[in-house]
Amino acid sequence: MEILTWQARTTKHLTLKQLEQLSGISKTSLNDIENGKISPTLYQLEQIAKALDVKITELFSSEYK
């Protein structure tokens, strides 16, 4: 499964700092999620989806989606 938060964020023309403010998730955590260093929790994916005004399913790619 691939996490697509970077793609969703850049499509909305937002910086990590702006997404941090909108989602309540630290810039460091967002960066680590985008770089595959950590896997986001469902809660984090939901907060990111709300902040970006997208469906949570748009934040990941999987053949089982």
PDB file of N, CA and C in Angstrom:
ATOM      1  N   MET A   1       0.841  -1.163   0.000  1.00  0.00           N
ATOM      2  CA  MET A   1       0.000   0.000   0.000  1.00  0.00           C
ATOM      3  C   MET A   1       0.896   1.239   0.000  1.00  0.00           C
ATOM      4  N   GLU A   2       0.529   2.197  -0.806  1.00  0.00           N
ATOM      5  CA  GLU A   2       1.278   3.450  -0.889  1.00  0.00           C
ATOM      6  C   GLU A   2       0.433   4.580  -0.309  1.00  0.00           C
ATOM      7  N   ILE A   3       1.041   5.385   0.550  1.00  0.00           N
ATOM      8  CA  ILE A   3       0.362   6.537   1.138  1.00  0.00           C
ATOM      9  C   ILE A   3       0.573   7.727   0.214  1.00  0.00           C
ATOM     10  N   LEU A   4      -0.503   8.423  -0.122  1.00  0.00           N
ATOM     11  CA  LEU A   4      -0.459   9.487  -1.127  1.00  0.00           C
ATOM     12  C   LEU A   4      -0.702  10.881  -0.549  1.00  0.00           C
ATOM     13  N   THR A   5      -0.281  11.099   0.691  1.00  0.00           N
ATOM     14  CA  THR A   5      -0.536  12.412   1.292  1.00  0.00           C
ATOM     15  C   THR A   5       0.229  13.526   0.584  1.00  0.00           C
ATOM     16  N   TRP A   6       1.444  13.243   0.132  1.00  0.00           N
ATOM     17  CA  TRP A   6       2.218  14.278  -0.567  1.00  0.00           C
ATOM     18  C   TRP A   6       1.495  14.709  -1.837  1.00  0.00           C
ATOM     19  N   GLN A   7       1.011  13.746  -2.605  1.00  0.00           N
ATOM     20  CA  GLN A   7       0.314  14.059  -3.845  1.00  0.00           C
ATOM     21  C   GLN A   7      -0.946  14.876  -3.570  1.00  0.00           C
ATOM     22  N   ALA A   8      -1.703  14.476  -2.565  1.00  0.00           N
ATOM     23  CA  ALA A   8      -2.934  15.203  -2.226  1.00  0.00           C
ATOM     24  C   ALA A   8      -2.618  16.613  -1.728  1.00  0.00           C
ATOM     25  N   ARG A   9      -1.570  16.732  -0.926  1.00  0.00           N
ATOM     26  CA  ARG A   9      -1.197  18.043  -0.376  1.00  0.00           C
ATOM     27  C   ARG A   9      -0.712  18.990  -1.468  1.00  0.00           C
ATOM     28  N   THR A  10       0.131  18.498  -2.352  1.00  0.00           N
ATOM     29  CA  THR A  10       0.668  19.379  -3.394  1.00  0.00           C
ATOM     30  C   THR A  10      -0.397  19.740  -4.433  1.00  0.00           C
ATOM     31  N   THR A  11      -1.355  18.849  -4.648  1.00  0.00           N
ATOM     32  CA  THR A  11      -2.474  19.166  -5.547  1.00  0.00           C
ATOM     33  C   THR A  11      -3.270  20.349  -5.009  1.00  0.00           C
ATOM     34  N   LYS A  12      -3.356  20.439  -3.679  1.00  0.00           N
ATOM     35  CA  LYS A  12      -4.075  21.547  -3.030  1.00  0.00           C
ATOM     36  C   LYS A  12      -3.171  22.763  -2.804  1.00  0.00           C
ATOM     37  N   HIS A  13      -1.919  22.664  -3.246  1.00  0.00           N
ATOM     38  CA  HIS A  13      -0.939  23.756  -3.125  1.00  0.00           C
ATOM     39  C   HIS A  13      -0.732  24.180  -1.665  1.00  0.00           C
ATOM     40  N   LEU A  14      -0.583  23.183  -0.797  1.00  0.00           N
ATOM     41  CA  LEU A  14      -0.364  23.464   0.612  1.00  0.00           C
ATOM     42  C   LEU A  14       1.053  23.052   1.020  1.00  0.00           C
ATOM     43  N   THR A  15       1.621  23.803   1.941  1.00  0.00           N
ATOM     44  CA  THR A  15       2.909  23.434   2.515  1.00  0.00           C
ATOM     45  C   THR A  15       2.663  22.485   3.684  1.00  0.00           C
ATOM     46  N   LEU A  16       3.726  21.845   4.147  1.00  0.00           N
ATOM     47  CA  LEU A  16       3.602  20.997   5.332  1.00  0.00           C
ATOM     48  C   LEU A  16       3.119  21.815   6.527  1.00  0.00           C
ATOM     49  N   LYS A  17       3.619  23.026   6.660  1.00  0.00           N
ATOM     50  CA  LYS A  17       3.228  23.893   7.776  1.00  0.00           C
ATOM     51  C   LYS A  17       1.734  24.203   7.709  1.00  0.00           C
ATOM     52  N   GLN A  18       1.219  24.473   6.517  1.00  0.00           N
ATOM     53  CA  GLN A  18      -0.212  24.758   6.373  1.00  0.00           C
ATOM     54  C   GLN A  18      -1.045  23.524   6.705  1.00  0.00           C
ATOM     55  N   LEU A  19      -0.598  22.353   6.249  1.00  0.00           N
ATOM     56  CA  LEU A  19      -1.329  21.124   6.557  1.00  0.00           C
ATOM     57  C   LEU A  19      -1.267  20.826   8.049  1.00  0.00           C
ATOM     58  N   GLU A  20      -0.158  21.136   8.669  1.00  0.00           N
ATOM     59  CA  GLU A  20      -0.038  20.970  10.122  1.00  0.00           C
ATOM     60  C   GLU A  20      -1.108  21.791  10.828  1.00  0.00           C
ATOM     61  N   GLN A  21      -1.271  23.026  10.417  1.00  0.00           N
ATOM     62  CA  GLN A  21      -2.260  23.914  11.034  1.00  0.00           C
ATOM     63  C   GLN A  21      -3.688  23.426  10.797  1.00  0.00           C
ATOM     64  N   LEU A  22      -3.947  22.896   9.612  1.00  0.00           N
ATOM     65  CA  LEU A  22      -5.292  22.440   9.271  1.00  0.00           C
ATOM     66  C   LEU A  22      -5.642  21.089   9.901  1.00  0.00           C
ATOM     67  N   SER A  23      -4.646  20.224  10.042  1.00  0.00           N
ATOM     68  CA  SER A  23      -4.916  18.861  10.505  1.00  0.00           C
ATOM     69  C   SER A  23      -4.658  18.643  11.990  1.00  0.00           C
ATOM     70  N   GLY A  24      -3.809  19.490  12.579  1.00  0.00           N
ATOM     71  CA  GLY A  24      -3.439  19.286  13.977  1.00  0.00           C
ATOM     72  C   GLY A  24      -2.359  18.228  14.152  1.00  0.00           C
ATOM     73  N   ILE A  25      -1.776  17.777  13.049  1.00  0.00           N
ATOM     74  CA  ILE A  25      -0.699  16.771  13.087  1.00  0.00           C
ATOM     75  C   ILE A  25       0.613  17.507  12.851  1.00  0.00           C
ATOM     76  N   SER A  26       1.612  17.192  13.645  1.00  0.00           N
ATOM     77  CA  SER A  26       2.879  17.920  13.560  1.00  0.00           C
ATOM     78  C   SER A  26       3.503  17.801  12.166  1.00  0.00           C
ATOM     79  N   LYS A  27       4.224  18.855  11.813  1.00  0.00           N
ATOM     80  CA  LYS A  27       4.922  18.889  10.524  1.00  0.00           C
ATOM     81  C   LYS A  27       5.896  17.725  10.408  1.00  0.00           C
ATOM     82  N   THR A  28       6.562  17.393  11.498  1.00  0.00           N
ATOM     83  CA  THR A  28       7.512  16.278  11.510  1.00  0.00           C
ATOM     84  C   THR A  28       6.805  14.965  11.209  1.00  0.00           C
ATOM     85  N   SER A  29       5.665  14.734  11.848  1.00  0.00           N
ATOM     86  CA  SER A  29       4.906  13.503  11.599  1.00  0.00           C
ATOM     87  C   SER A  29       4.404  13.456  10.167  1.00  0.00           C
ATOM     88  N   LEU A  30       3.887  14.574   9.669  1.00  0.00           N
ATOM     89  CA  LEU A  30       3.411  14.628   8.287  1.00  0.00           C
ATOM     90  C   LEU A  30       4.545  14.314   7.316  1.00  0.00           C
ATOM     91  N   ASN A  31       5.708  14.889   7.568  1.00  0.00           N
ATOM     92  CA  ASN A  31       6.874  14.641   6.723  1.00  0.00           C
ATOM     93  C   ASN A  31       7.274  13.165   6.773  1.00  0.00           C
ATOM     94  N   ASP A  32       7.268  12.585   7.969  1.00  0.00           N
ATOM     95  CA  ASP A  32       7.618  11.169   8.113  1.00  0.00           C
ATOM     96  C   ASP A  32       6.609  10.274   7.397  1.00  0.00           C
ATOM     97  N   ILE A  33       5.329  10.631   7.431  1.00  0.00           N
ATOM     98  CA  ILE A  33       4.297   9.874   6.712  1.00  0.00           C
ATOM     99  C   ILE A  33       4.551   9.966   5.214  1.00  0.00           C
ATOM    100  N   GLU A  34       4.795  11.174   4.734  1.00  0.00           N
ATOM    101  CA  GLU A  34       5.016  11.377   3.296  1.00  0.00           C
ATOM    102  C   GLU A  34       6.256  10.647   2.797  1.00  0.00           C
ATOM    103  N   ASN A  35       7.257  10.519   3.638  1.00  0.00           N
ATOM    104  CA  ASN A  35       8.506   9.863   3.237  1.00  0.00           C
ATOM    105  C   ASN A  35       8.542   8.381   3.577  1.00  0.00           C
ATOM    106  N   GLY A  36       7.421   7.844   4.041  1.00  0.00           N
ATOM    107  CA  GLY A  36       7.328   6.417   4.331  1.00  0.00           C
ATOM    108  C   GLY A  36       8.094   5.965   5.550  1.00  0.00           C
ATOM    109  N   LYS A  37       8.480   6.896   6.408  1.00  0.00           N
ATOM    110  CA  LYS A  37       9.224   6.530   7.617  1.00  0.00           C
ATOM    111  C   LYS A  37       8.298   5.965   8.687  1.00  0.00           C
ATOM    112  N   ILE A  38       7.042   6.427   8.705  1.00  0.00           N
ATOM    113  CA  ILE A  38       6.047   5.910   9.632  1.00  0.00           C
ATOM    114  C   ILE A  38       4.745   5.697   8.870  1.00  0.00           C
ATOM    115  N   SER A  39       3.932   4.791   9.377  1.00  0.00           N
ATOM    116  CA  SER A  39       2.613   4.568   8.803  1.00  0.00           C
ATOM    117  C   SER A  39       1.599   5.385   9.607  1.00  0.00           C
ATOM    118  N   PRO A  40       0.724   6.088   8.918  1.00  0.00           N
ATOM    119  CA  PRO A  40      -0.263   6.895   9.646  1.00  0.00           C
ATOM    120  C   PRO A  40      -1.328   6.008  10.286  1.00  0.00           C
ATOM    121  N   THR A  41      -1.857   6.480  11.392  1.00  0.00           N
ATOM    122  CA  THR A  41      -3.000   5.801  12.007  1.00  0.00           C
ATOM    123  C   THR A  41      -4.251   6.167  11.206  1.00  0.00           C
ATOM    124  N   LEU A  42      -5.317   5.449  11.422  1.00  0.00           N
ATOM    125  CA  LEU A  42      -6.579   5.795  10.762  1.00  0.00           C
ATOM    126  C   LEU A  42      -7.039   7.184  11.182  1.00  0.00           C
ATOM    127  N   TYR A  43      -6.825   7.510  12.453  1.00  0.00           N
ATOM    128  CA  TYR A  43      -7.192   8.842  12.934  1.00  0.00           C
ATOM    129  C   TYR A  43      -6.408   9.916  12.171  1.00  0.00           C
ATOM    130  N   GLN A  44      -5.113   9.713  11.997  1.00  0.00           N
ATOM    131  CA  GLN A  44      -4.298  10.682  11.258  1.00  0.00           C
ATOM    132  C   GLN A  44      -4.762  10.801   9.809  1.00  0.00           C
ATOM    133  N   LEU A  45      -5.051   9.665   9.165  1.00  0.00           N
ATOM    134  CA  LEU A  45      -5.549   9.714   7.791  1.00  0.00           C
ATOM    135  C   LEU A  45      -6.863  10.488   7.715  1.00  0.00           C
ATOM    136  N   GLU A  46      -7.720  10.286   8.701  1.00  0.00           N
ATOM    137  CA  GLU A  46      -8.996  11.002   8.732  1.00  0.00           C
ATOM    138  C   GLU A  46      -8.770  12.501   8.898  1.00  0.00           C
ATOM    139  N   GLN A  47      -7.865  12.882   9.781  1.00  0.00           N
ATOM    140  CA  GLN A  47      -7.574  14.309  10.001  1.00  0.00           C
ATOM    141  C   GLN A  47      -6.972  14.943   8.744  1.00  0.00           C
ATOM    142  N   ILE A  48      -6.096  14.228   8.074  1.00  0.00           N
ATOM    143  CA  ILE A  48      -5.490  14.732   6.841  1.00  0.00           C
ATOM    144  C   ILE A  48      -6.549  14.856   5.753  1.00  0.00           C
ATOM    145  N   ALA A  49      -7.412  13.854   5.631  1.00  0.00           N
ATOM    146  CA  ALA A  49      -8.478  13.888   4.629  1.00  0.00           C
ATOM    147  C   ALA A  49      -9.411  15.072   4.865  1.00  0.00           C
ATOM    148  N   LYS A  50      -9.777  15.306   6.112  1.00  0.00           N
ATOM    149  CA  LYS A  50     -10.629  16.455   6.445  1.00  0.00           C
ATOM    150  C   LYS A  50      -9.937  17.761   6.074  1.00  0.00           C
ATOM    151  N   ALA A  51      -8.669  17.871   6.443  1.00  0.00           N
ATOM    152  CA  ALA A  51      -7.913  19.105   6.187  1.00  0.00           C
ATOM    153  C   ALA A  51      -7.782  19.375   4.691  1.00  0.00           C
ATOM    154  N   LEU A  52      -7.646  18.317   3.894  1.00  0.00           N
ATOM    155  CA  LEU A  52      -7.474  18.467   2.442  1.00  0.00           C
ATOM    156  C   LEU A  52      -8.796  18.417   1.681  1.00  0.00           C
ATOM    157  N   ASP A  53      -9.881  18.158   2.411  1.00  0.00           N
ATOM    158  CA  ASP A  53     -11.217  18.048   1.813  1.00  0.00           C
ATOM    159  C   ASP A  53     -11.238  16.985   0.711  1.00  0.00           C
ATOM    160  N   VAL A  54     -10.729  15.798   1.069  1.00  0.00           N
ATOM    161  CA  VAL A  54     -10.745  14.649   0.163  1.00  0.00           C
ATOM    162  C   VAL A  54     -11.279  13.438   0.923  1.00  0.00           C
ATOM    163  N   LYS A  55     -11.637  12.403   0.184  1.00  0.00           N
ATOM    164  CA  LYS A  55     -12.036  11.146   0.813  1.00  0.00           C
ATOM    165  C   LYS A  55     -10.789  10.449   1.330  1.00  0.00           C
ATOM    166  N   ILE A  56     -10.945   9.770   2.443  1.00  0.00           N
ATOM    167  CA  ILE A  56      -9.808   9.077   3.048  1.00  0.00           C
ATOM    168  C   ILE A  56      -9.198   8.070   2.072  1.00  0.00           C
ATOM    169  N   THR A  57     -10.003   7.488   1.204  1.00  0.00           N
ATOM    170  CA  THR A  57      -9.497   6.502   0.244  1.00  0.00           C
ATOM    171  C   THR A  57      -8.606   7.127  -0.821  1.00  0.00           C
ATOM    172  N   GLU A  58      -8.654   8.442  -0.955  1.00  0.00           N
ATOM    173  CA  GLU A  58      -7.784   9.124  -1.917  1.00  0.00           C
ATOM    174  C   GLU A  58      -6.370   9.288  -1.371  1.00  0.00           C
ATOM    175  N   LEU A  59      -6.172   8.951  -0.108  1.00  0.00           N
ATOM    176  CA  LEU A  59      -4.864   9.142   0.519  1.00  0.00           C
ATOM    177  C   LEU A  59      -3.992   7.895   0.482  1.00  0.00           C
ATOM    178  N   PHE A  60      -4.507   6.820  -0.115  1.00  0.00           N
ATOM    179  CA  PHE A  60      -3.664   5.635  -0.272  1.00  0.00           C
ATOM    180  C   PHE A  60      -4.012   4.902  -1.555  1.00  0.00           C
ATOM    181  N   SER A  61      -3.051   4.147  -2.018  1.00  0.00           N
ATOM    182  CA  SER A  61      -3.210   3.350  -3.220  1.00  0.00           C
ATOM    183  C   SER A  61      -2.973   1.894  -2.853  1.00  0.00           C
ATOM    184  N   SER A  62      -3.885   1.036  -3.285  1.00  0.00           N
ATOM    185  CA  SER A  62      -3.748  -0.384  -3.004  1.00  0.00           C
ATOM    186  C   SER A  62      -4.535  -1.167  -4.042  1.00  0.00           C
ATOM    187  N   GLU A  63      -4.039  -2.320  -4.406  1.00  0.00           N
ATOM    188  CA  GLU A  63      -4.783  -3.151  -5.339  1.00  0.00           C
ATOM    189  C   GLU A  63      -6.046  -3.704  -4.701  1.00  0.00           C
ATOM    190  N   TYR A  64      -6.165  -3.610  -3.384  1.00  0.00           N
ATOM    191  CA  TYR A  64      -7.341  -4.109  -2.660  1.00  0.00           C
ATOM    192  C   TYR A  64      -8.291  -2.992  -2.261  1.00  0.00           C
ATOM    193  N   LYS A  65      -8.086  -1.822  -2.766  1.00  0.00           N
ATOM    194  CA  LYS A  65      -8.891  -0.646  -2.424  1.00  0.00           C
ATOM    195  C   LYS A  65     -10.316  -0.805  -2.891  1.00  0.00           C
TER     196      LYS A  65
END
